[in-house]
Amino acid sequence: MSISFPEKSIFICDGSKCGRHKEVRKHLKEAIKEHHLKDRVEIFKMECSDRCKHAPVLCVQPANEWYSEVTLRDADKIITDLLT
Protein backbone atom coordinates (compact mmCIF):
# COMPACT_ATOMS: atom_id res chain seq x y z
CA MET A 1 0.00 0.00 0.00
CA SER A 2 1.29 3.42 -0.91
CA ILE A 3 1.09 6.35 1.46
CA SER A 4 1.98 9.94 0.69
CA PHE A 5 3.77 12.36 2.93
CA PRO A 6 4.21 16.11 2.56
CA GLU A 7 7.58 17.38 1.37
CA LYS A 8 7.67 19.84 4.27
CA SER A 9 6.29 19.74 7.79
CA ILE A 10 5.71 22.34 10.47
CA PHE A 11 5.90 21.00 14.00
CA ILE A 12 4.27 23.30 16.53
CA CYS A 13 4.90 22.83 20.22
CA ASP A 14 1.64 22.16 22.05
CA GLY A 15 2.99 22.33 25.60
CA SER A 16 1.23 24.37 28.27
CA LYS A 17 2.77 27.73 27.28
CA CYS A 18 3.07 27.26 23.51
CA GLY A 19 -0.40 25.71 23.34
CA ARG A 20 -1.91 29.01 24.47
CA HIS A 21 -0.91 30.57 21.14
CA LYS A 22 -3.56 28.82 19.07
CA GLU A 23 -3.84 31.85 16.80
CA VAL A 24 -0.43 31.06 15.29
CA ARG A 25 -1.41 27.49 14.39
CA LYS A 26 -4.75 28.68 13.04
CA HIS A 27 -3.05 31.38 10.97
CA LEU A 28 -0.57 28.89 9.50
CA LYS A 29 -3.35 26.43 8.64
CA GLU A 30 -5.34 29.17 6.89
CA ALA A 31 -2.27 30.39 4.97
CA ILE A 32 -1.44 26.85 3.83
CA LYS A 33 -4.97 26.45 2.54
CA GLU A 34 -4.99 29.92 0.93
CA HIS A 35 -1.72 29.27 -0.93
CA HIS A 36 -2.80 25.76 -2.01
CA LEU A 37 0.03 24.11 -0.07
CA LYS A 38 -2.04 21.35 1.55
CA ASP A 39 -0.35 18.65 -0.54
CA ARG A 40 3.14 20.02 0.14
CA VAL A 41 3.06 21.23 3.77
CA GLU A 42 1.47 19.66 6.81
CA ILE A 43 1.20 20.93 10.38
CA PHE A 44 1.79 18.61 13.32
CA LYS A 45 1.45 19.27 17.04
CA MET A 46 4.44 18.09 19.02
CA GLU A 47 4.82 17.47 22.72
CA CYS A 48 6.44 20.13 24.87
CA SER A 49 9.78 21.24 23.43
CA ASP A 50 10.90 22.37 26.92
CA ARG A 51 11.57 25.91 25.68
CA CYS A 52 8.65 27.53 27.47
CA LYS A 53 10.43 30.87 27.92
CA HIS A 54 10.38 31.26 24.13
CA ALA A 55 6.77 30.31 23.41
CA PRO A 56 5.43 29.68 20.90
CA VAL A 57 8.08 27.44 19.36
CA LEU A 58 7.90 25.70 16.02
CA CYS A 59 10.14 23.76 13.68
CA VAL A 60 10.08 23.50 9.88
CA GLN A 61 11.33 20.22 8.44
CA PRO A 62 13.25 18.96 6.53
CA ALA A 63 15.27 22.20 6.80
CA ASN A 64 15.40 21.81 10.61
CA GLU A 65 14.68 25.52 11.07
CA TRP A 66 13.54 26.40 14.58
CA TYR A 67 11.58 29.54 15.44
CA SER A 68 10.75 31.00 18.83
CA GLU A 69 8.32 33.65 20.05
CA VAL A 70 6.50 33.26 16.73
CA THR A 71 4.12 36.09 15.85
CA LEU A 72 1.51 36.18 13.09
CA ARG A 73 3.96 38.23 11.03
CA ASP A 74 6.60 35.53 11.55
CA ALA A 75 4.05 32.93 10.46
CA ASP A 76 3.49 34.87 7.22
CA LYS A 77 7.24 34.93 6.58
CA ILE A 78 7.50 31.20 7.22
CA ILE A 79 4.74 30.52 4.66
CA THR A 80 6.37 32.88 2.14
CA ASP A 81 9.65 31.00 2.58
CA LEU A 82 7.86 27.70 2.01
CA LEU A 83 6.51 28.98 -1.30
CA THR A 84 10.03 29.17 -2.73
PDB file of N, CA and C in Angstrom:
ATOM      1  N   MET A   1       0.841  -1.175   0.000  1.00  0.00           N
ATOM      2  CA  MET A   1       0.000   0.000   0.000  1.00  0.00           C
ATOM      3  C   MET A   1       0.887   1.240   0.000  1.00  0.00           C
ATOM      4  N   SER A   2       0.522   2.187  -0.797  1.00  0.00           N
ATOM      5  CA  SER A   2       1.291   3.424  -0.907  1.00  0.00           C
ATOM      6  C   SER A   2       0.675   4.498  -0.019  1.00  0.00           C
ATOM      7  N   ILE A   3       1.536   5.247   0.606  1.00  0.00           N
ATOM      8  CA  ILE A   3       1.086   6.351   1.455  1.00  0.00           C
ATOM      9  C   ILE A   3       1.896   7.582   1.079  1.00  0.00           C
ATOM     10  N   SER A   4       1.254   8.719   1.050  1.00  0.00           N
ATOM     11  CA  SER A   4       1.983   9.937   0.689  1.00  0.00           C
ATOM     12  C   SER A   4       2.256  10.788   1.916  1.00  0.00           C
ATOM     13  N   PHE A   5       3.374  11.472   1.858  1.00  0.00           N
ATOM     14  CA  PHE A   5       3.769  12.364   2.932  1.00  0.00           C
ATOM     15  C   PHE A   5       4.073  13.721   2.323  1.00  0.00           C
ATOM     16  N   PRO A   6       3.878  14.795   3.083  1.00  0.00           N
ATOM     17  CA  PRO A   6       4.207  16.115   2.555  1.00  0.00           C
ATOM     18  C   PRO A   6       5.717  16.277   2.422  1.00  0.00           C
ATOM     19  N   GLU A   7       6.138  17.149   1.519  1.00  0.00           N
ATOM     20  CA  GLU A   7       7.577  17.384   1.372  1.00  0.00           C
ATOM     21  C   GLU A   7       8.120  18.241   2.500  1.00  0.00           C
ATOM     22  N   LYS A   8       7.243  19.009   3.140  1.00  0.00           N
ATOM     23  CA  LYS A   8       7.667  19.839   4.275  1.00  0.00           C
ATOM     24  C   LYS A   8       6.644  19.710   5.399  1.00  0.00           C
ATOM     25  N   SER A   9       7.141  19.852   6.612  1.00  0.00           N
ATOM     26  CA  SER A   9       6.290  19.739   7.793  1.00  0.00           C
ATOM     27  C   SER A   9       6.592  20.873   8.750  1.00  0.00           C
ATOM     28  N   ILE A  10       5.553  21.340   9.419  1.00  0.00           N
ATOM     29  CA  ILE A  10       5.714  22.337  10.471  1.00  0.00           C
ATOM     30  C   ILE A  10       5.269  21.678  11.767  1.00  0.00           C
ATOM     31  N   PHE A  11       6.199  21.564  12.699  1.00  0.00           N
ATOM     32  CA  PHE A  11       5.902  20.996  14.002  1.00  0.00           C
ATOM     33  C   PHE A  11       5.738  22.150  14.987  1.00  0.00           C
ATOM     34  N   ILE A  12       4.568  22.224  15.595  1.00  0.00           N
ATOM     35  CA  ILE A  12       4.266  23.298  16.534  1.00  0.00           C
ATOM     36  C   ILE A  12       4.170  22.706  17.929  1.00  0.00           C
ATOM     37  N   CYS A  13       4.943  23.272  18.832  1.00  0.00           N
ATOM     38  CA  CYS A  13       4.897  22.832  20.219  1.00  0.00           C
ATOM     39  C   CYS A  13       3.486  23.055  20.765  1.00  0.00           C
ATOM     40  N   ASP A  14       2.977  22.056  21.474  1.00  0.00           N
ATOM     41  CA  ASP A  14       1.639  22.157  22.051  1.00  0.00           C
ATOM     42  C   ASP A  14       1.695  21.999  23.570  1.00  0.00           C
ATOM     43  N   GLY A  15       2.844  22.372  24.149  1.00  0.00           N
ATOM     44  CA  GLY A  15       2.988  22.333  25.600  1.00  0.00           C
ATOM     45  C   GLY A  15       2.097  23.386  26.251  1.00  0.00           C
ATOM     46  N   SER A  16       2.147  23.487  27.554  1.00  0.00           N
ATOM     47  CA  SER A  16       1.227  24.375  28.271  1.00  0.00           C
ATOM     48  C   SER A  16       1.372  25.845  27.887  1.00  0.00           C
ATOM     49  N   LYS A  17       2.580  26.320  27.668  1.00  0.00           N
ATOM     50  CA  LYS A  17       2.771  27.734  27.285  1.00  0.00           C
ATOM     51  C   LYS A  17       2.555  27.942  25.791  1.00  0.00           C
ATOM     52  N   CYS A  18       3.197  27.116  24.967  1.00  0.00           N
ATOM     53  CA  CYS A  18       3.066  27.259  23.513  1.00  0.00           C
ATOM     54  C   CYS A  18       1.627  27.014  23.069  1.00  0.00           C
ATOM     55  N   GLY A  19       0.970  26.066  23.706  1.00  0.00           N
ATOM     56  CA  GLY A  19      -0.396  25.707  23.341  1.00  0.00           C
ATOM     57  C   GLY A  19      -1.388  26.845  23.514  1.00  0.00           C
ATOM     58  N   ARG A  20      -1.027  27.838  24.282  1.00  0.00           N
ATOM     59  CA  ARG A  20      -1.906  29.014  24.472  1.00  0.00           C
ATOM     60  C   ARG A  20      -1.953  29.888  23.223  1.00  0.00           C
ATOM     61  N   HIS A  21      -1.014  29.720  22.339  1.00  0.00           N
ATOM     62  CA  HIS A  21      -0.907  30.565  21.142  1.00  0.00           C
ATOM     63  C   HIS A  21      -1.576  29.889  19.943  1.00  0.00           C
ATOM     64  N   LYS A  22      -2.821  29.528  20.120  1.00  0.00           N
ATOM     65  CA  LYS A  22      -3.561  28.817  19.075  1.00  0.00           C
ATOM     66  C   LYS A  22      -3.736  29.655  17.820  1.00  0.00           C
ATOM     67  N   GLU A  23      -3.659  30.978  17.960  1.00  0.00           N
ATOM     68  CA  GLU A  23      -3.838  31.852  16.799  1.00  0.00           C
ATOM     69  C   GLU A  23      -2.728  31.646  15.769  1.00  0.00           C
ATOM     70  N   VAL A  24      -1.536  31.282  16.226  1.00  0.00           N
ATOM     71  CA  VAL A  24      -0.425  31.056  15.290  1.00  0.00           C
ATOM     72  C   VAL A  24      -0.705  29.808  14.459  1.00  0.00           C
ATOM     73  N   ARG A  25      -1.103  28.720  15.120  1.00  0.00           N
ATOM     74  CA  ARG A  25      -1.408  27.486  14.395  1.00  0.00           C
ATOM     75  C   ARG A  25      -2.573  27.705  13.430  1.00  0.00           C
ATOM     76  N   LYS A  26      -3.589  28.391  13.892  1.00  0.00           N
ATOM     77  CA  LYS A  26      -4.754  28.680  13.044  1.00  0.00           C
ATOM     78  C   LYS A  26      -4.338  29.513  11.829  1.00  0.00           C
ATOM     79  N   HIS A  27      -3.516  30.516  12.053  1.00  0.00           N
ATOM     80  CA  HIS A  27      -3.049  31.382  10.973  1.00  0.00           C
ATOM     81  C   HIS A  27      -2.236  30.586   9.940  1.00  0.00           C
ATOM     82  N   LEU A  28      -1.356  29.710  10.404  1.00  0.00           N
ATOM     83  CA  LEU A  28      -0.567  28.887   9.505  1.00  0.00           C
ATOM     84  C   LEU A  28      -1.462  27.956   8.687  1.00  0.00           C
ATOM     85  N   LYS A  29      -2.440  27.333   9.341  1.00  0.00           N
ATOM     86  CA  LYS A  29      -3.353  26.434   8.636  1.00  0.00           C
ATOM     87  C   LYS A  29      -4.116  27.171   7.546  1.00  0.00           C
ATOM     88  N   GLU A  30      -4.592  28.374   7.878  1.00  0.00           N
ATOM     89  CA  GLU A  30      -5.340  29.173   6.893  1.00  0.00           C
ATOM     90  C   GLU A  30      -4.440  29.580   5.724  1.00  0.00           C
ATOM     91  N   ALA A  31      -3.204  29.963   6.024  1.00  0.00           N
ATOM     92  CA  ALA A  31      -2.275  30.388   4.971  1.00  0.00           C
ATOM     93  C   ALA A  31      -1.909  29.210   4.063  1.00  0.00           C
ATOM     94  N   ILE A  32      -1.741  28.037   4.631  1.00  0.00           N
ATOM     95  CA  ILE A  32      -1.439  26.848   3.831  1.00  0.00           C
ATOM     96  C   ILE A  32      -2.589  26.568   2.875  1.00  0.00           C
ATOM     97  N   LYS A  33      -3.790  26.677   3.384  1.00  0.00           N
ATOM     98  CA  LYS A  33      -4.969  26.455   2.538  1.00  0.00           C
ATOM     99  C   LYS A  33      -5.069  27.538   1.460  1.00  0.00           C
ATOM    100  N   GLU A  34      -4.888  28.781   1.851  1.00  0.00           N
ATOM    101  CA  GLU A  34      -4.994  29.917   0.930  1.00  0.00           C
ATOM    102  C   GLU A  34      -3.987  29.826  -0.215  1.00  0.00           C
ATOM    103  N   HIS A  35      -2.785  29.356   0.078  1.00  0.00           N
ATOM    104  CA  HIS A  35      -1.722  29.274  -0.925  1.00  0.00           C
ATOM    105  C   HIS A  35      -1.665  27.902  -1.607  1.00  0.00           C
ATOM    106  N   HIS A  36      -2.696  27.080  -1.370  1.00  0.00           N
ATOM    107  CA  HIS A  36      -2.797  25.761  -2.007  1.00  0.00           C
ATOM    108  C   HIS A  36      -1.578  24.890  -1.735  1.00  0.00           C
ATOM    109  N   LEU A  37      -1.154  24.885  -0.476  1.00  0.00           N
ATOM    110  CA  LEU A  37       0.029  24.107  -0.071  1.00  0.00           C
ATOM    111  C   LEU A  37      -0.328  22.819   0.674  1.00  0.00           C
ATOM    112  N   LYS A  38      -1.617  22.498   0.743  1.00  0.00           N
ATOM    113  CA  LYS A  38      -2.040  21.350   1.550  1.00  0.00           C
ATOM    114  C   LYS A  38      -1.365  20.045   1.156  1.00  0.00           C
ATOM    115  N   ASP A  39      -1.018  19.874  -0.107  1.00  0.00           N
ATOM    116  CA  ASP A  39      -0.350  18.648  -0.536  1.00  0.00           C
ATOM    117  C   ASP A  39       1.150  18.677  -0.281  1.00  0.00           C
ATOM    118  N   ARG A  40       1.692  19.872  -0.024  1.00  0.00           N
ATOM    119  CA  ARG A  40       3.143  20.020   0.141  1.00  0.00           C
ATOM    120  C   ARG A  40       3.579  20.257   1.583  1.00  0.00           C
ATOM    121  N   VAL A  41       2.693  20.845   2.398  1.00  0.00           N
ATOM    122  CA  VAL A  41       3.062  21.229   3.770  1.00  0.00           C
ATOM    123  C   VAL A  41       1.978  20.746   4.731  1.00  0.00           C
ATOM    124  N   GLU A  42       2.412  20.117   5.803  1.00  0.00           N
ATOM    125  CA  GLU A  42       1.470  19.656   6.811  1.00  0.00           C
ATOM    126  C   GLU A  42       1.906  20.151   8.186  1.00  0.00           C
ATOM    127  N   ILE A  43       0.928  20.450   9.021  1.00  0.00           N
ATOM    128  CA  ILE A  43       1.201  20.927  10.381  1.00  0.00           C
ATOM    129  C   ILE A  43       0.960  19.778  11.360  1.00  0.00           C
ATOM    130  N   PHE A  44       1.899  19.624  12.283  1.00  0.00           N
ATOM    131  CA  PHE A  44       1.790  18.611  13.321  1.00  0.00           C
ATOM    132  C   PHE A  44       1.982  19.279  14.681  1.00  0.00           C
ATOM    133  N   LYS A  45       1.208  18.851  15.660  1.00  0.00           N
ATOM    134  CA  LYS A  45       1.451  19.272  17.035  1.00  0.00           C
ATOM    135  C   LYS A  45       2.514  18.349  17.598  1.00  0.00           C
ATOM    136  N   MET A  46       3.441  18.920  18.351  1.00  0.00           N
ATOM    137  CA  MET A  46       4.439  18.086  19.025  1.00  0.00           C
ATOM    138  C   MET A  46       4.320  18.300  20.530  1.00  0.00           C
ATOM    139  N   GLU A  47       4.803  17.352  21.266  1.00  0.00           N
ATOM    140  CA  GLU A  47       4.823  17.471  22.719  1.00  0.00           C
ATOM    141  C   GLU A  47       5.688  18.660  23.121  1.00  0.00           C
ATOM    142  N   CYS A  48       5.675  18.996  24.357  1.00  0.00           N
ATOM    143  CA  CYS A  48       6.439  20.133  24.872  1.00  0.00           C
ATOM    144  C   CYS A  48       7.895  20.052  24.422  1.00  0.00           C
ATOM    145  N   SER A  49       8.386  21.168  23.889  1.00  0.00           N
ATOM    146  CA  SER A  49       9.780  21.235  23.433  1.00  0.00           C
ATOM    147  C   SER A  49      10.723  21.668  24.562  1.00  0.00           C
ATOM    148  N   ASP A  50      10.149  21.972  25.730  1.00  0.00           N
ATOM    149  CA  ASP A  50      10.900  22.375  26.916  1.00  0.00           C
ATOM    150  C   ASP A  50      11.641  23.694  26.697  1.00  0.00           C
ATOM    151  N   ARG A  51      11.024  24.566  25.912  1.00  0.00           N
ATOM    152  CA  ARG A  51      11.574  25.910  25.685  1.00  0.00           C
ATOM    153  C   ARG A  51      10.491  26.942  25.983  1.00  0.00           C
ATOM    154  N   CYS A  52       9.837  26.754  27.103  1.00  0.00           N
ATOM    155  CA  CYS A  52       8.650  27.529  27.465  1.00  0.00           C
ATOM    156  C   CYS A  52       8.897  29.039  27.521  1.00  0.00           C
ATOM    157  N   LYS A  53      10.112  29.441  27.848  1.00  0.00           N
ATOM    158  CA  LYS A  53      10.432  30.871  27.923  1.00  0.00           C
ATOM    159  C   LYS A  53      10.361  31.533  26.554  1.00  0.00           C
ATOM    160  N   HIS A  54      10.338  30.723  25.492  1.00  0.00           N
ATOM    161  CA  HIS A  54      10.384  31.257  24.132  1.00  0.00           C
ATOM    162  C   HIS A  54       9.115  30.934  23.340  1.00  0.00           C
ATOM    163  N   ALA A  55       8.028  30.704  24.041  1.00  0.00           N
ATOM    164  CA  ALA A  55       6.768  30.310  23.406  1.00  0.00           C
ATOM    165  C   ALA A  55       6.208  31.413  22.507  1.00  0.00           C
ATOM    166  N   PRO A  56       5.552  31.019  21.434  1.00  0.00           N
ATOM    167  CA  PRO A  56       5.427  29.677  20.897  1.00  0.00           C
ATOM    168  C   PRO A  56       6.634  29.288  20.048  1.00  0.00           C
ATOM    169  N   VAL A  57       6.929  28.001  20.071  1.00  0.00           N
ATOM    170  CA  VAL A  57       8.082  27.441  19.363  1.00  0.00           C
ATOM    171  C   VAL A  57       7.578  26.532  18.246  1.00  0.00           C
ATOM    172  N   LEU A  58       8.233  26.620  17.093  1.00  0.00           N
ATOM    173  CA  LEU A  58       7.903  25.696  16.016  1.00  0.00           C
ATOM    174  C   LEU A  58       9.140  25.349  15.223  1.00  0.00           C
ATOM    175  N   CYS A  59       9.022  24.271  14.457  1.00  0.00           N
ATOM    176  CA  CYS A  59      10.143  23.763  13.675  1.00  0.00           C
ATOM    177  C   CYS A  59       9.651  23.408  12.280  1.00  0.00           C
ATOM    178  N   VAL A  60      10.394  23.837  11.263  1.00  0.00           N
ATOM    179  CA  VAL A  60      10.080  23.501   9.884  1.00  0.00           C
ATOM    180  C   VAL A  60      11.065  22.431   9.420  1.00  0.00           C
ATOM    181  N   GLN A  61      10.514  21.324   8.932  1.00  0.00           N
ATOM    182  CA  GLN A  61      11.328  20.222   8.436  1.00  0.00           C
ATOM    183  C   GLN A  61      11.082  20.049   6.945  1.00  0.00           C
ATOM    184  N   PRO A  62      12.004  19.609   6.149  1.00  0.00           N
ATOM    185  CA  PRO A  62      13.248  18.963   6.527  1.00  0.00           C
ATOM    186  C   PRO A  62      14.408  19.927   6.738  1.00  0.00           C
ATOM    187  N   ALA A  63      14.179  21.227   6.661  1.00  0.00           N
ATOM    188  CA  ALA A  63      15.270  22.199   6.802  1.00  0.00           C
ATOM    189  C   ALA A  63      15.798  22.294   8.232  1.00  0.00           C
ATOM    190  N   ASN A  64      15.038  21.749   9.196  1.00  0.00           N
ATOM    191  CA  ASN A  64      15.399  21.815  10.611  1.00  0.00           C
ATOM    192  C   ASN A  64      15.587  23.251  11.078  1.00  0.00           C
ATOM    193  N   GLU A  65      14.670  24.113  10.659  1.00  0.00           N
ATOM    194  CA  GLU A  65      14.683  25.519  11.067  1.00  0.00           C
ATOM    195  C   GLU A  65      13.755  25.680  12.263  1.00  0.00           C
ATOM    196  N   TRP A  66      14.301  26.201  13.349  1.00  0.00           N
ATOM    197  CA  TRP A  66      13.542  26.399  14.581  1.00  0.00           C
ATOM    198  C   TRP A  66      13.230  27.879  14.739  1.00  0.00           C
ATOM    199  N   TYR A  67      12.020  28.158  15.219  1.00  0.00           N
ATOM    200  CA  TYR A  67      11.577  29.537  15.441  1.00  0.00           C
ATOM    201  C   TYR A  67      11.021  29.635  16.856  1.00  0.00           C
ATOM    202  N   SER A  68      11.267  30.780  17.485  1.00  0.00           N
ATOM    203  CA  SER A  68      10.745  30.998  18.828  1.00  0.00           C
ATOM    204  C   SER A  68      10.005  32.332  18.874  1.00  0.00           C
ATOM    205  N   GLU A  69       9.128  32.433  19.858  1.00  0.00           N
ATOM    206  CA  GLU A  69       8.322  33.645  20.051  1.00  0.00           C
ATOM    207  C   GLU A  69       7.659  34.049  18.734  1.00  0.00           C
ATOM    208  N   VAL A  70       7.080  33.068  18.052  1.00  0.00           N
ATOM    209  CA  VAL A  70       6.502  33.262  16.728  1.00  0.00           C
ATOM    210  C   VAL A  70       5.257  34.145  16.800  1.00  0.00           C
ATOM    211  N   THR A  71       5.269  35.183  15.971  1.00  0.00           N
ATOM    212  CA  THR A  71       4.123  36.085  15.845  1.00  0.00           C
ATOM    213  C   THR A  71       3.379  35.749  14.554  1.00  0.00           C
ATOM    214  N   LEU A  72       2.249  36.383  14.344  1.00  0.00           N
ATOM    215  CA  LEU A  72       1.512  36.178  13.092  1.00  0.00           C
ATOM    216  C   LEU A  72       2.336  36.658  11.906  1.00  0.00           C
ATOM    217  N   ARG A  73       3.077  37.727  12.097  1.00  0.00           N
ATOM    218  CA  ARG A  73       3.963  38.228  11.032  1.00  0.00           C
ATOM    219  C   ARG A  73       5.048  37.196  10.717  1.00  0.00           C
ATOM    220  N   ASP A  74       5.608  36.586  11.759  1.00  0.00           N
ATOM    221  CA  ASP A  74       6.601  35.526  11.553  1.00  0.00           C
ATOM    222  C   ASP A  74       5.982  34.358  10.787  1.00  0.00           C
ATOM    223  N   ALA A  75       4.747  34.023  11.128  1.00  0.00           N
ATOM    224  CA  ALA A  75       4.054  32.928  10.458  1.00  0.00           C
ATOM    225  C   ALA A  75       3.904  33.235   8.966  1.00  0.00           C
ATOM    226  N   ASP A  76       3.590  34.474   8.633  1.00  0.00           N
ATOM    227  CA  ASP A  76       3.489  34.868   7.222  1.00  0.00           C
ATOM    228  C   ASP A  76       4.827  34.691   6.521  1.00  0.00           C
ATOM    229  N   LYS A  77       5.898  35.062   7.170  1.00  0.00           N
ATOM    230  CA  LYS A  77       7.242  34.935   6.577  1.00  0.00           C
ATOM    231  C   LYS A  77       7.596  33.460   6.373  1.00  0.00           C
ATOM    232  N   ILE A  78       7.243  32.629   7.328  1.00  0.00           N
ATOM    233  CA  ILE A  78       7.499  31.196   7.219  1.00  0.00           C
ATOM    234  C   ILE A  78       6.771  30.629   6.004  1.00  0.00           C
ATOM    235  N   ILE A  79       5.516  30.996   5.821  1.00  0.00           N
ATOM    236  CA  ILE A  79       4.741  30.525   4.661  1.00  0.00           C
ATOM    237  C   ILE A  79       5.354  31.054   3.374  1.00  0.00           C
ATOM    238  N   THR A  80       5.744  32.302   3.345  1.00  0.00           N
ATOM    239  CA  THR A  80       6.375  32.877   2.144  1.00  0.00           C
ATOM    240  C   THR A  80       7.639  32.098   1.804  1.00  0.00           C
ATOM    241  N   ASP A  81       8.435  31.767   2.807  1.00  0.00           N
ATOM    242  CA  ASP A  81       9.651  30.997   2.579  1.00  0.00           C
ATOM    243  C   ASP A  81       9.344  29.595   2.038  1.00  0.00           C
ATOM    244  N   LEU A  82       8.229  29.017   2.477  1.00  0.00           N
ATOM    245  CA  LEU A  82       7.859  27.698   2.008  1.00  0.00           C
ATOM    246  C   LEU A  82       7.387  27.708   0.560  1.00  0.00           C
ATOM    247  N   LEU A  83       6.978  28.864   0.070  1.00  0.00           N
ATOM    248  CA  LEU A  83       6.512  28.976  -1.303  1.00  0.00           C
ATOM    249  C   LEU A  83       7.658  28.912  -2.296  1.00  0.00           C
ATOM    250  N   THR A  84       8.876  29.172  -1.824  1.00  0.00           N
ATOM    251  CA  THR A  84      10.027  29.169  -2.727  1.00  0.00           C
ATOM    252  C   THR A  84      10.729  27.849  -2.752  1.00  0.00           C
TER     253      THR A  84
END
